[in-house]
Amino acid sequence: MSSGLIGKKVGMTNIFDDNGRNYAVTVIEVDPCVITQIKTEESNGYKAVQLAAFDKKEKNVSKPVLGHFKKAGVKPKQYIKEFRNFIPEGFDVGDELNIEDVFSVGDEVDVVGVSKGKGFTGVMKRYNFKGVGEATHGQHNRQRHPGSIGQASDPSRVFPGMKMAGRSGNERAKIKNLTIAKIFPESNLMMVTGSVPGPNGRFVEIYN
């Protein structure tokens, strides 16, 4: 079973554990996630629950999506995500899932988000090329260039997938095995050890 909730990255801070050890944590706001649809083997061919979180103005929602929310009897939300093989017991469409319904302090979770976009970058920033100092990648006289990328008359082309300059970041990324350090149910906040993909304010998916 892969249970989970939807959250929003707030930022990073540091806390002390019971032994006085200081370590970095990421604060995630986990808005109460409303169940908008439950999928079953009989009707859909697989088990899943569709969750939505963070309110959105009705005027900014397309009519088909608005109809989907109205069918579930909930207000429009900003983020919708389906969690496979997760059917919360005792909950139905329109009910809300809070942090403590799914997670507990000490649980290990995987957090998925979209990494920060870095724009068009060179090979040194994008792929950690070493440059002239290490004399790698066929380069010898220009500090930050990629060097040789192809062959001569055979095969007379550059193979697809060659490591070259291009857009970096802004990709879906998963950080595994983060531990839930603290939960603040009254303010819908939780702290997980380590870093989480993306800038502050971006939505993340938290899997147990």
N, C-alpha and C. Protein backbone atom coordinates (compact mmCIF):
# COMPACT_ATOMS: atom_id res chain seq x y z
N MET A 1 0.84 -1.19 0.00
CA MET A 1 0.00 0.00 0.00
C MET A 1 0.88 1.24 0.00
N SER A 2 0.50 2.23 -0.83
CA SER A 2 1.28 3.46 -0.93
C SER A 2 0.40 4.64 -0.54
N SER A 3 0.29 4.87 0.77
CA SER A 3 -0.53 5.98 1.23
C SER A 3 0.23 7.29 1.05
N GLY A 4 -0.49 8.40 1.07
CA GLY A 4 0.18 9.68 0.90
C GLY A 4 -0.76 10.85 1.04
N LEU A 5 -0.17 12.03 1.05
CA LEU A 5 -0.92 13.28 1.14
C LEU A 5 -0.24 14.33 0.27
N ILE A 6 -0.93 15.45 0.08
CA ILE A 6 -0.43 16.57 -0.71
C ILE A 6 0.01 17.68 0.25
N GLY A 7 1.15 18.27 -0.03
CA GLY A 7 1.65 19.35 0.82
C GLY A 7 2.24 20.48 0.01
N LYS A 8 2.71 21.48 0.73
CA LYS A 8 3.36 22.63 0.11
C LYS A 8 4.62 22.96 0.91
N LYS A 9 5.74 23.07 0.20
CA LYS A 9 7.01 23.35 0.87
C LYS A 9 6.99 24.77 1.44
N VAL A 10 7.30 24.89 2.72
CA VAL A 10 7.32 26.18 3.40
C VAL A 10 8.74 26.74 3.45
N GLY A 11 9.69 25.90 3.80
CA GLY A 11 11.08 26.34 3.91
C GLY A 11 11.87 25.39 4.79
N MET A 12 13.12 25.76 5.05
CA MET A 12 13.99 24.91 5.87
C MET A 12 14.38 25.63 7.16
N THR A 13 14.63 24.82 8.17
CA THR A 13 15.12 25.33 9.44
C THR A 13 15.94 24.21 10.08
N ASN A 14 16.29 24.37 11.33
CA ASN A 14 17.00 23.31 12.03
C ASN A 14 16.45 23.15 13.44
N ILE A 15 16.49 21.92 13.95
CA ILE A 15 15.97 21.63 15.28
C ILE A 15 16.96 20.75 16.03
N PHE A 16 16.74 20.61 17.33
CA PHE A 16 17.57 19.76 18.18
C PHE A 16 16.77 18.53 18.58
N ASP A 17 17.42 17.37 18.58
CA ASP A 17 16.75 16.17 19.07
C ASP A 17 16.99 16.01 20.57
N ASP A 18 16.53 14.90 21.12
CA ASP A 18 16.62 14.69 22.57
C ASP A 18 18.06 14.57 23.05
N ASN A 19 18.97 14.23 22.15
CA ASN A 19 20.38 14.10 22.52
C ASN A 19 21.17 15.38 22.27
N GLY A 20 20.49 16.45 21.90
CA GLY A 20 21.16 17.72 21.67
C GLY A 20 21.79 17.85 20.30
N ARG A 21 21.51 16.88 19.42
CA ARG A 21 22.08 16.94 18.08
C ARG A 21 21.25 17.87 17.20
N ASN A 22 21.91 18.76 16.49
CA ASN A 22 21.23 19.72 15.63
C ASN A 22 21.23 19.21 14.20
N TYR A 23 20.06 19.21 13.56
CA TYR A 23 19.99 18.74 12.17
C TYR A 23 18.94 19.53 11.39
N ALA A 24 19.13 19.54 10.07
CA ALA A 24 18.27 20.33 9.19
C ALA A 24 16.96 19.62 8.91
N VAL A 25 15.90 20.39 8.84
CA VAL A 25 14.57 19.85 8.51
C VAL A 25 13.89 20.78 7.52
N THR A 26 12.96 20.20 6.76
CA THR A 26 12.12 20.98 5.86
C THR A 26 10.71 21.04 6.42
N VAL A 27 10.14 22.22 6.45
CA VAL A 27 8.77 22.40 6.94
C VAL A 27 7.81 22.29 5.75
N ILE A 28 6.82 21.43 5.89
CA ILE A 28 5.83 21.21 4.83
C ILE A 28 4.44 21.49 5.40
N GLU A 29 3.69 22.33 4.70
CA GLU A 29 2.30 22.56 5.07
C GLU A 29 1.44 21.50 4.39
N VAL A 30 0.74 20.72 5.20
CA VAL A 30 -0.11 19.65 4.68
C VAL A 30 -1.57 20.05 4.93
N ASP A 31 -2.16 20.67 3.93
CA ASP A 31 -3.55 21.10 4.01
C ASP A 31 -4.44 19.85 4.10
N PRO A 32 -5.57 19.93 4.83
CA PRO A 32 -6.48 18.78 4.83
C PRO A 32 -6.84 18.37 3.41
N CYS A 33 -6.52 17.13 3.04
CA CYS A 33 -6.75 16.65 1.68
C CYS A 33 -8.14 16.02 1.59
N VAL A 34 -8.94 16.53 0.69
CA VAL A 34 -10.30 16.04 0.53
C VAL A 34 -10.32 14.94 -0.52
N ILE A 35 -11.11 13.91 -0.28
CA ILE A 35 -11.25 12.80 -1.22
C ILE A 35 -12.25 13.19 -2.30
N THR A 36 -11.80 13.26 -3.54
CA THR A 36 -12.68 13.64 -4.65
C THR A 36 -13.15 12.44 -5.47
N GLN A 37 -12.45 11.31 -5.34
CA GLN A 37 -12.86 10.11 -6.07
C GLN A 37 -12.16 8.89 -5.48
N ILE A 38 -12.88 7.78 -5.43
CA ILE A 38 -12.30 6.50 -5.01
C ILE A 38 -12.45 5.51 -6.16
N LYS A 39 -11.35 4.94 -6.60
CA LYS A 39 -11.36 4.00 -7.72
C LYS A 39 -11.17 2.58 -7.20
N THR A 40 -11.94 1.65 -7.77
CA THR A 40 -11.91 0.26 -7.32
C THR A 40 -11.61 -0.67 -8.49
N GLU A 41 -11.28 -1.91 -8.14
CA GLU A 41 -11.01 -2.93 -9.16
C GLU A 41 -12.22 -3.15 -10.05
N GLU A 42 -13.42 -3.12 -9.46
CA GLU A 42 -14.63 -3.42 -10.21
C GLU A 42 -14.96 -2.35 -11.25
N SER A 43 -14.81 -1.09 -10.88
CA SER A 43 -15.22 0.00 -11.77
C SER A 43 -14.08 0.55 -12.62
N ASN A 44 -12.84 0.50 -12.12
CA ASN A 44 -11.72 1.13 -12.83
C ASN A 44 -10.57 0.18 -13.17
N GLY A 45 -10.60 -1.02 -12.61
CA GLY A 45 -9.54 -1.97 -12.89
C GLY A 45 -8.36 -1.88 -11.95
N TYR A 46 -8.36 -0.92 -11.02
CA TYR A 46 -7.29 -0.79 -10.03
C TYR A 46 -7.80 0.01 -8.85
N LYS A 47 -7.09 -0.09 -7.74
CA LYS A 47 -7.47 0.63 -6.54
C LYS A 47 -6.69 1.92 -6.43
N ALA A 48 -7.38 3.00 -6.09
CA ALA A 48 -6.71 4.29 -5.91
C ALA A 48 -7.67 5.27 -5.24
N VAL A 49 -7.09 6.28 -4.65
CA VAL A 49 -7.88 7.38 -4.10
C VAL A 49 -7.36 8.68 -4.69
N GLN A 50 -8.28 9.54 -5.10
CA GLN A 50 -7.90 10.83 -5.67
C GLN A 50 -8.09 11.90 -4.60
N LEU A 51 -7.00 12.60 -4.30
CA LEU A 51 -7.04 13.64 -3.27
C LEU A 51 -6.83 15.01 -3.90
N ALA A 52 -7.40 16.02 -3.27
CA ALA A 52 -7.23 17.41 -3.71
C ALA A 52 -6.99 18.27 -2.49
N ALA A 53 -6.18 19.32 -2.67
CA ALA A 53 -5.83 20.17 -1.53
C ALA A 53 -5.61 21.61 -1.97
N PHE A 54 -5.74 22.51 -1.02
CA PHE A 54 -5.50 23.95 -1.17
C PHE A 54 -6.58 24.59 -2.05
N ASP A 55 -7.39 25.42 -1.41
CA ASP A 55 -8.55 26.04 -2.07
C ASP A 55 -8.16 26.89 -3.27
N LYS A 56 -9.07 26.92 -4.23
CA LYS A 56 -8.88 27.70 -5.45
C LYS A 56 -10.19 28.41 -5.78
N LYS A 57 -10.09 29.63 -6.32
CA LYS A 57 -11.29 30.37 -6.66
C LYS A 57 -12.05 29.68 -7.78
N GLU A 58 -13.36 29.65 -7.64
CA GLU A 58 -14.19 28.96 -8.62
C GLU A 58 -14.06 29.54 -10.02
N LYS A 59 -13.84 30.84 -10.12
CA LYS A 59 -13.75 31.50 -11.43
C LYS A 59 -12.50 31.06 -12.20
N ASN A 60 -11.51 30.50 -11.47
CA ASN A 60 -10.25 30.10 -12.11
C ASN A 60 -10.21 28.60 -12.45
N VAL A 61 -11.35 27.94 -12.36
CA VAL A 61 -11.43 26.51 -12.62
C VAL A 61 -12.27 26.27 -13.87
N SER A 62 -11.79 25.40 -14.76
CA SER A 62 -12.54 25.09 -15.97
C SER A 62 -13.83 24.35 -15.62
N LYS A 63 -14.80 24.42 -16.50
CA LYS A 63 -16.11 23.83 -16.21
C LYS A 63 -16.06 22.31 -16.01
N PRO A 64 -15.31 21.56 -16.83
CA PRO A 64 -15.25 20.11 -16.57
C PRO A 64 -14.68 19.78 -15.19
N VAL A 65 -13.61 20.49 -14.80
CA VAL A 65 -13.00 20.23 -13.50
C VAL A 65 -13.92 20.69 -12.38
N LEU A 66 -14.59 21.81 -12.59
CA LEU A 66 -15.54 22.30 -11.59
C LEU A 66 -16.67 21.30 -11.38
N GLY A 67 -17.14 20.70 -12.48
CA GLY A 67 -18.18 19.68 -12.38
C GLY A 67 -17.71 18.47 -11.59
N HIS A 68 -16.43 18.12 -11.75
CA HIS A 68 -15.87 17.00 -11.00
C HIS A 68 -15.88 17.29 -9.51
N PHE A 69 -15.52 18.51 -9.12
CA PHE A 69 -15.53 18.88 -7.72
C PHE A 69 -16.96 18.92 -7.17
N LYS A 70 -17.89 19.46 -7.95
CA LYS A 70 -19.28 19.54 -7.49
C LYS A 70 -19.89 18.15 -7.32
N LYS A 71 -19.50 17.21 -8.19
CA LYS A 71 -19.99 15.84 -8.05
C LYS A 71 -19.53 15.23 -6.74
N ALA A 72 -18.32 15.59 -6.31
CA ALA A 72 -17.80 15.09 -5.04
C ALA A 72 -18.30 15.90 -3.85
N GLY A 73 -18.93 17.04 -4.13
CA GLY A 73 -19.47 17.88 -3.06
C GLY A 73 -18.41 18.64 -2.30
N VAL A 74 -17.35 19.06 -3.02
CA VAL A 74 -16.27 19.79 -2.35
C VAL A 74 -15.98 21.09 -3.12
N LYS A 75 -15.26 21.99 -2.45
CA LYS A 75 -14.87 23.24 -3.08
C LYS A 75 -13.71 22.98 -4.05
N PRO A 76 -13.56 23.83 -5.07
CA PRO A 76 -12.43 23.66 -6.01
C PRO A 76 -11.09 23.73 -5.29
N LYS A 77 -10.16 22.93 -5.74
CA LYS A 77 -8.83 22.87 -5.15
C LYS A 77 -7.76 23.12 -6.21
N GLN A 78 -6.57 23.49 -5.73
CA GLN A 78 -5.47 23.82 -6.64
C GLN A 78 -4.75 22.59 -7.18
N TYR A 79 -4.62 21.56 -6.34
CA TYR A 79 -3.77 20.43 -6.71
C TYR A 79 -4.54 19.13 -6.53
N ILE A 80 -4.53 18.29 -7.55
CA ILE A 80 -5.20 16.99 -7.51
C ILE A 80 -4.16 15.91 -7.77
N LYS A 81 -4.21 14.84 -6.98
CA LYS A 81 -3.24 13.75 -7.16
C LYS A 81 -3.90 12.43 -6.80
N GLU A 82 -3.63 11.43 -7.62
CA GLU A 82 -4.15 10.09 -7.39
C GLU A 82 -3.08 9.23 -6.73
N PHE A 83 -3.45 8.55 -5.65
CA PHE A 83 -2.53 7.67 -4.94
C PHE A 83 -2.99 6.22 -5.14
N ARG A 84 -2.17 5.46 -5.85
CA ARG A 84 -2.51 4.07 -6.19
C ARG A 84 -2.48 3.17 -4.95
N ASN A 85 -3.34 2.16 -4.98
CA ASN A 85 -3.38 1.13 -3.93
C ASN A 85 -3.54 1.72 -2.54
N PHE A 86 -4.27 2.81 -2.45
CA PHE A 86 -4.48 3.46 -1.16
C PHE A 86 -5.97 3.76 -1.02
N ILE A 87 -6.65 2.94 -0.22
CA ILE A 87 -8.07 3.17 0.07
C ILE A 87 -8.19 3.35 1.58
N PRO A 88 -8.27 4.60 2.06
CA PRO A 88 -8.35 4.82 3.51
C PRO A 88 -9.63 4.25 4.10
N GLU A 89 -9.49 3.43 5.11
CA GLU A 89 -10.65 2.78 5.72
C GLU A 89 -11.47 3.78 6.53
N GLY A 90 -12.78 3.68 6.38
CA GLY A 90 -13.68 4.55 7.13
C GLY A 90 -13.89 5.91 6.52
N PHE A 91 -13.32 6.16 5.33
CA PHE A 91 -13.47 7.45 4.66
C PHE A 91 -14.20 7.26 3.35
N ASP A 92 -14.94 8.29 2.95
CA ASP A 92 -15.69 8.25 1.70
C ASP A 92 -15.45 9.54 0.92
N VAL A 93 -16.00 9.62 -0.29
CA VAL A 93 -15.85 10.82 -1.12
C VAL A 93 -16.40 12.03 -0.38
N GLY A 94 -15.62 13.11 -0.35
CA GLY A 94 -16.01 14.33 0.35
C GLY A 94 -15.39 14.46 1.72
N ASP A 95 -14.85 13.36 2.27
CA ASP A 95 -14.21 13.41 3.58
C ASP A 95 -12.80 13.98 3.46
N GLU A 96 -12.28 14.47 4.58
CA GLU A 96 -10.94 15.05 4.62
C GLU A 96 -9.97 14.13 5.33
N LEU A 97 -8.74 14.07 4.80
CA LEU A 97 -7.66 13.35 5.44
C LEU A 97 -6.67 14.36 5.99
N ASN A 98 -6.37 14.27 7.28
CA ASN A 98 -5.40 15.15 7.91
C ASN A 98 -4.06 14.42 8.09
N ILE A 99 -3.05 15.16 8.55
CA ILE A 99 -1.72 14.57 8.71
C ILE A 99 -1.77 13.33 9.58
N GLU A 100 -2.39 13.42 10.74
CA GLU A 100 -2.36 12.33 11.70
C GLU A 100 -3.18 11.12 11.26
N ASP A 101 -4.02 11.28 10.23
CA ASP A 101 -4.77 10.14 9.70
C ASP A 101 -3.89 9.22 8.88
N VAL A 102 -2.76 9.74 8.41
CA VAL A 102 -1.89 8.97 7.52
C VAL A 102 -0.48 8.80 8.08
N PHE A 103 0.07 9.86 8.70
CA PHE A 103 1.47 9.84 9.12
C PHE A 103 1.60 9.92 10.64
N SER A 104 2.75 9.46 11.12
CA SER A 104 3.11 9.58 12.52
C SER A 104 4.57 9.99 12.62
N VAL A 105 4.95 10.59 13.75
CA VAL A 105 6.35 10.96 13.96
C VAL A 105 7.22 9.71 13.94
N GLY A 106 8.31 9.79 13.19
CA GLY A 106 9.21 8.65 13.06
C GLY A 106 9.01 7.86 11.78
N ASP A 107 7.91 8.10 11.06
CA ASP A 107 7.69 7.41 9.79
C ASP A 107 8.71 7.85 8.75
N GLU A 108 9.10 6.92 7.89
CA GLU A 108 9.95 7.26 6.75
C GLU A 108 9.07 7.52 5.54
N VAL A 109 9.31 8.63 4.85
CA VAL A 109 8.48 9.02 3.72
C VAL A 109 9.36 9.36 2.52
N ASP A 110 8.75 9.28 1.33
CA ASP A 110 9.37 9.76 0.10
C ASP A 110 8.63 11.02 -0.32
N VAL A 111 9.37 12.05 -0.69
CA VAL A 111 8.76 13.32 -1.08
C VAL A 111 9.08 13.59 -2.55
N VAL A 112 8.04 13.85 -3.33
CA VAL A 112 8.17 14.09 -4.76
C VAL A 112 7.78 15.54 -5.05
N GLY A 113 8.60 16.22 -5.83
CA GLY A 113 8.31 17.59 -6.23
C GLY A 113 9.01 17.92 -7.53
N VAL A 114 8.84 19.15 -7.98
CA VAL A 114 9.51 19.62 -9.20
C VAL A 114 10.70 20.48 -8.77
N SER A 115 11.88 20.09 -9.21
CA SER A 115 13.09 20.77 -8.78
C SER A 115 13.16 22.20 -9.30
N LYS A 116 14.01 23.00 -8.71
CA LYS A 116 14.19 24.39 -9.12
C LYS A 116 14.73 24.45 -10.55
N GLY A 117 14.16 25.32 -11.37
CA GLY A 117 14.66 25.51 -12.72
C GLY A 117 15.89 26.41 -12.71
N LYS A 118 16.92 26.00 -13.42
CA LYS A 118 18.17 26.77 -13.46
C LYS A 118 18.42 27.39 -14.83
N GLY A 119 17.46 27.22 -15.76
CA GLY A 119 17.61 27.82 -17.08
C GLY A 119 18.62 27.08 -17.92
N PHE A 120 19.13 27.76 -18.96
CA PHE A 120 20.11 27.16 -19.87
C PHE A 120 21.48 27.20 -19.20
N THR A 121 22.06 26.04 -18.96
CA THR A 121 23.34 25.97 -18.26
C THR A 121 24.36 25.19 -19.09
N GLY A 122 25.63 25.41 -18.80
CA GLY A 122 26.71 24.71 -19.47
C GLY A 122 26.94 23.33 -18.86
N VAL A 123 27.88 22.60 -19.45
CA VAL A 123 28.10 21.22 -19.03
C VAL A 123 28.70 21.12 -17.63
N MET A 124 29.42 22.15 -17.18
CA MET A 124 30.04 22.07 -15.86
C MET A 124 28.98 22.14 -14.75
N LYS A 125 28.00 23.01 -14.92
CA LYS A 125 26.95 23.11 -13.92
C LYS A 125 25.92 21.99 -14.08
N ARG A 126 25.66 21.61 -15.34
CA ARG A 126 24.61 20.62 -15.59
C ARG A 126 25.05 19.19 -15.31
N TYR A 127 26.29 18.85 -15.67
CA TYR A 127 26.76 17.47 -15.54
C TYR A 127 28.06 17.33 -14.73
N ASN A 128 28.50 18.41 -14.10
CA ASN A 128 29.69 18.37 -13.25
C ASN A 128 30.97 18.01 -14.02
N PHE A 129 31.09 18.48 -15.26
CA PHE A 129 32.36 18.30 -15.98
C PHE A 129 33.46 19.05 -15.21
N LYS A 130 34.68 18.56 -15.31
CA LYS A 130 35.76 19.10 -14.50
C LYS A 130 36.49 20.27 -15.14
N GLY A 131 36.40 20.41 -16.46
CA GLY A 131 37.09 21.52 -17.10
C GLY A 131 38.55 21.20 -17.40
N VAL A 132 39.32 22.24 -17.75
CA VAL A 132 40.70 22.06 -18.20
C VAL A 132 41.60 21.48 -17.12
N GLY A 133 41.37 21.85 -15.88
CA GLY A 133 42.26 21.42 -14.81
C GLY A 133 42.43 19.92 -14.73
N GLU A 134 41.35 19.18 -15.01
CA GLU A 134 41.41 17.73 -14.94
C GLU A 134 41.68 17.10 -16.32
N ALA A 135 41.70 17.92 -17.37
CA ALA A 135 42.00 17.45 -18.73
C ALA A 135 41.07 16.31 -19.13
N THR A 136 39.78 16.53 -19.01
CA THR A 136 38.80 15.49 -19.33
C THR A 136 37.96 15.87 -20.53
N HIS A 137 37.26 14.91 -21.07
CA HIS A 137 36.27 15.10 -22.14
C HIS A 137 36.88 15.73 -23.40
N GLY A 138 38.15 15.47 -23.67
CA GLY A 138 38.76 15.95 -24.90
C GLY A 138 39.01 17.44 -24.94
N GLN A 139 39.02 18.09 -23.77
CA GLN A 139 39.18 19.54 -23.73
C GLN A 139 40.58 19.89 -23.23
N HIS A 140 41.18 20.94 -23.81
CA HIS A 140 42.53 21.28 -23.38
C HIS A 140 42.83 22.77 -23.33
N ASN A 141 42.00 23.63 -23.94
CA ASN A 141 42.41 25.03 -23.98
C ASN A 141 41.28 26.02 -23.71
N ARG A 142 40.10 25.53 -23.35
CA ARG A 142 39.01 26.44 -22.99
C ARG A 142 38.39 25.93 -21.69
N GLN A 143 38.36 26.80 -20.70
CA GLN A 143 38.10 26.37 -19.33
C GLN A 143 36.80 25.58 -19.14
N ARG A 144 35.67 26.09 -19.65
CA ARG A 144 34.38 25.51 -19.29
C ARG A 144 33.64 24.89 -20.47
N HIS A 145 34.32 24.53 -21.54
CA HIS A 145 33.66 23.96 -22.71
C HIS A 145 33.62 22.43 -22.62
N PRO A 146 32.70 21.81 -23.36
CA PRO A 146 32.52 20.36 -23.24
C PRO A 146 33.60 19.53 -23.90
N GLY A 147 34.26 20.04 -24.93
CA GLY A 147 35.27 19.25 -25.62
C GLY A 147 34.68 18.41 -26.73
N SER A 148 35.36 17.34 -27.09
CA SER A 148 34.97 16.50 -28.21
C SER A 148 33.60 15.86 -27.98
N ILE A 149 32.74 15.86 -29.00
CA ILE A 149 31.41 15.28 -28.87
C ILE A 149 31.11 14.23 -29.94
N GLY A 150 31.93 14.12 -30.98
CA GLY A 150 31.57 13.19 -32.05
C GLY A 150 32.77 12.52 -32.67
N GLN A 151 32.54 11.83 -33.79
CA GLN A 151 33.59 11.11 -34.48
C GLN A 151 33.84 11.73 -35.85
N ALA A 152 34.71 11.11 -36.62
CA ALA A 152 35.05 11.63 -37.96
C ALA A 152 34.08 11.06 -39.00
N SER A 153 34.58 10.49 -40.07
CA SER A 153 33.72 10.06 -41.18
C SER A 153 32.80 8.90 -40.81
N ASP A 154 33.13 8.20 -39.76
CA ASP A 154 32.27 7.10 -39.34
C ASP A 154 32.07 7.20 -37.83
N PRO A 155 30.85 7.46 -37.34
CA PRO A 155 29.56 7.46 -38.05
C PRO A 155 29.12 8.83 -38.56
N SER A 156 29.95 9.84 -38.47
CA SER A 156 29.66 11.17 -39.02
C SER A 156 28.42 11.82 -38.40
N ARG A 157 28.21 11.58 -37.14
CA ARG A 157 27.07 12.23 -36.46
C ARG A 157 27.31 12.22 -34.96
N VAL A 158 26.50 12.97 -34.27
CA VAL A 158 26.54 13.00 -32.81
C VAL A 158 25.42 12.11 -32.29
N PHE A 159 25.73 11.20 -31.43
CA PHE A 159 24.72 10.28 -30.92
C PHE A 159 23.73 11.00 -30.00
N PRO A 160 22.45 10.61 -30.03
CA PRO A 160 21.45 11.18 -29.12
C PRO A 160 21.83 10.90 -27.67
N GLY A 161 21.51 11.83 -26.80
CA GLY A 161 21.79 11.65 -25.39
C GLY A 161 23.16 12.13 -24.96
N MET A 162 23.91 12.72 -25.88
CA MET A 162 25.23 13.24 -25.53
C MET A 162 25.09 14.34 -24.47
N LYS A 163 25.98 14.33 -23.49
CA LYS A 163 25.92 15.34 -22.43
C LYS A 163 26.42 16.67 -22.97
N MET A 164 25.49 17.62 -23.13
CA MET A 164 25.82 18.93 -23.68
C MET A 164 25.09 19.99 -22.88
N ALA A 165 25.35 21.24 -23.21
CA ALA A 165 24.66 22.34 -22.54
C ALA A 165 23.18 22.29 -22.85
N GLY A 166 22.35 22.78 -21.94
CA GLY A 166 20.91 22.78 -22.16
C GLY A 166 20.17 23.19 -20.90
N ARG A 167 18.86 23.06 -20.94
CA ARG A 167 18.04 23.44 -19.80
C ARG A 167 18.27 22.49 -18.63
N SER A 168 18.46 23.06 -17.47
CA SER A 168 18.74 22.27 -16.28
C SER A 168 17.67 22.53 -15.23
N GLY A 169 17.34 21.49 -14.48
CA GLY A 169 16.34 21.62 -13.42
C GLY A 169 14.93 21.59 -13.96
N ASN A 170 13.96 22.02 -13.13
CA ASN A 170 12.54 22.04 -13.48
C ASN A 170 12.07 20.65 -13.91
N GLU A 171 12.51 19.64 -13.18
CA GLU A 171 12.14 18.26 -13.47
C GLU A 171 11.58 17.60 -12.21
N ARG A 172 10.73 16.62 -12.43
CA ARG A 172 10.15 15.88 -11.31
C ARG A 172 11.25 15.08 -10.61
N ALA A 173 11.33 15.23 -9.30
CA ALA A 173 12.40 14.58 -8.53
C ALA A 173 11.82 13.99 -7.25
N LYS A 174 12.43 12.90 -6.82
CA LYS A 174 11.99 12.22 -5.60
C LYS A 174 13.16 12.11 -4.63
N ILE A 175 12.92 12.49 -3.38
CA ILE A 175 13.89 12.29 -2.30
C ILE A 175 13.33 11.20 -1.39
N LYS A 176 14.11 10.12 -1.23
CA LYS A 176 13.61 8.95 -0.50
C LYS A 176 14.08 8.92 0.95
N ASN A 177 13.30 8.20 1.75
CA ASN A 177 13.66 7.85 3.13
C ASN A 177 13.94 9.05 4.02
N LEU A 178 13.07 10.05 3.95
CA LEU A 178 13.13 11.16 4.90
C LEU A 178 12.29 10.79 6.12
N THR A 179 12.74 11.19 7.27
CA THR A 179 12.04 10.83 8.52
C THR A 179 11.21 12.01 9.00
N ILE A 180 9.99 11.72 9.41
CA ILE A 180 9.13 12.76 9.98
C ILE A 180 9.62 13.08 11.39
N ALA A 181 10.10 14.30 11.58
CA ALA A 181 10.68 14.69 12.87
C ALA A 181 9.62 15.22 13.83
N LYS A 182 8.71 16.06 13.32
CA LYS A 182 7.67 16.64 14.17
C LYS A 182 6.41 16.85 13.35
N ILE A 183 5.27 16.81 14.03
CA ILE A 183 3.97 17.09 13.41
C ILE A 183 3.25 18.11 14.28
N PHE A 184 2.70 19.13 13.63
CA PHE A 184 1.91 20.16 14.33
C PHE A 184 0.50 20.15 13.74
N PRO A 185 -0.38 19.26 14.24
CA PRO A 185 -1.71 19.10 13.64
C PRO A 185 -2.58 20.35 13.71
N GLU A 186 -2.37 21.18 14.76
CA GLU A 186 -3.21 22.38 14.91
C GLU A 186 -2.93 23.41 13.82
N SER A 187 -1.72 23.38 13.23
CA SER A 187 -1.37 24.34 12.18
C SER A 187 -1.11 23.65 10.84
N ASN A 188 -1.41 22.36 10.74
CA ASN A 188 -1.26 21.59 9.49
C ASN A 188 0.18 21.63 8.97
N LEU A 189 1.14 21.51 9.89
CA LEU A 189 2.54 21.53 9.50
C LEU A 189 3.24 20.25 9.94
N MET A 190 4.25 19.85 9.18
CA MET A 190 5.09 18.74 9.57
C MET A 190 6.54 19.06 9.19
N MET A 191 7.47 18.46 9.90
CA MET A 191 8.89 18.63 9.61
C MET A 191 9.47 17.30 9.22
N VAL A 192 10.22 17.29 8.12
CA VAL A 192 10.91 16.08 7.69
C VAL A 192 12.41 16.36 7.63
N THR A 193 13.21 15.37 7.96
CA THR A 193 14.65 15.56 7.95
C THR A 193 15.16 15.71 6.52
N GLY A 194 16.14 16.58 6.34
CA GLY A 194 16.74 16.74 5.02
C GLY A 194 16.02 17.73 4.14
N SER A 195 16.38 17.72 2.87
CA SER A 195 15.85 18.69 1.91
C SER A 195 14.77 18.06 1.04
N VAL A 196 13.98 18.93 0.41
CA VAL A 196 12.85 18.53 -0.42
C VAL A 196 12.96 19.26 -1.76
N PRO A 197 12.63 18.62 -2.88
CA PRO A 197 12.78 19.27 -4.19
C PRO A 197 11.92 20.53 -4.32
N GLY A 198 12.44 21.49 -5.08
CA GLY A 198 11.66 22.67 -5.45
C GLY A 198 11.85 23.87 -4.55
N PRO A 199 11.37 25.02 -5.02
CA PRO A 199 11.46 26.25 -4.22
C PRO A 199 10.36 26.30 -3.16
N ASN A 200 10.47 27.24 -2.24
CA ASN A 200 9.43 27.42 -1.24
C ASN A 200 8.12 27.80 -1.92
N GLY A 201 7.04 27.21 -1.43
CA GLY A 201 5.72 27.50 -1.98
C GLY A 201 5.27 26.54 -3.06
N ARG A 202 6.11 25.61 -3.46
CA ARG A 202 5.73 24.66 -4.53
C ARG A 202 5.10 23.42 -3.90
N PHE A 203 4.13 22.84 -4.62
CA PHE A 203 3.43 21.65 -4.13
C PHE A 203 4.35 20.43 -4.15
N VAL A 204 4.16 19.55 -3.18
CA VAL A 204 4.90 18.29 -3.12
C VAL A 204 3.93 17.17 -2.79
N GLU A 205 4.33 15.95 -3.14
CA GLU A 205 3.57 14.76 -2.80
C GLU A 205 4.36 13.96 -1.79
N ILE A 206 3.70 13.54 -0.71
CA ILE A 206 4.38 12.83 0.37
C ILE A 206 3.83 11.41 0.41
N TYR A 207 4.73 10.44 0.21
CA TYR A 207 4.34 9.03 0.17
C TYR A 207 4.90 8.28 1.39
N ASN A 208 4.08 7.40 1.93
CA ASN A 208 4.50 6.61 3.09
C ASN A 208 4.89 5.20 2.63
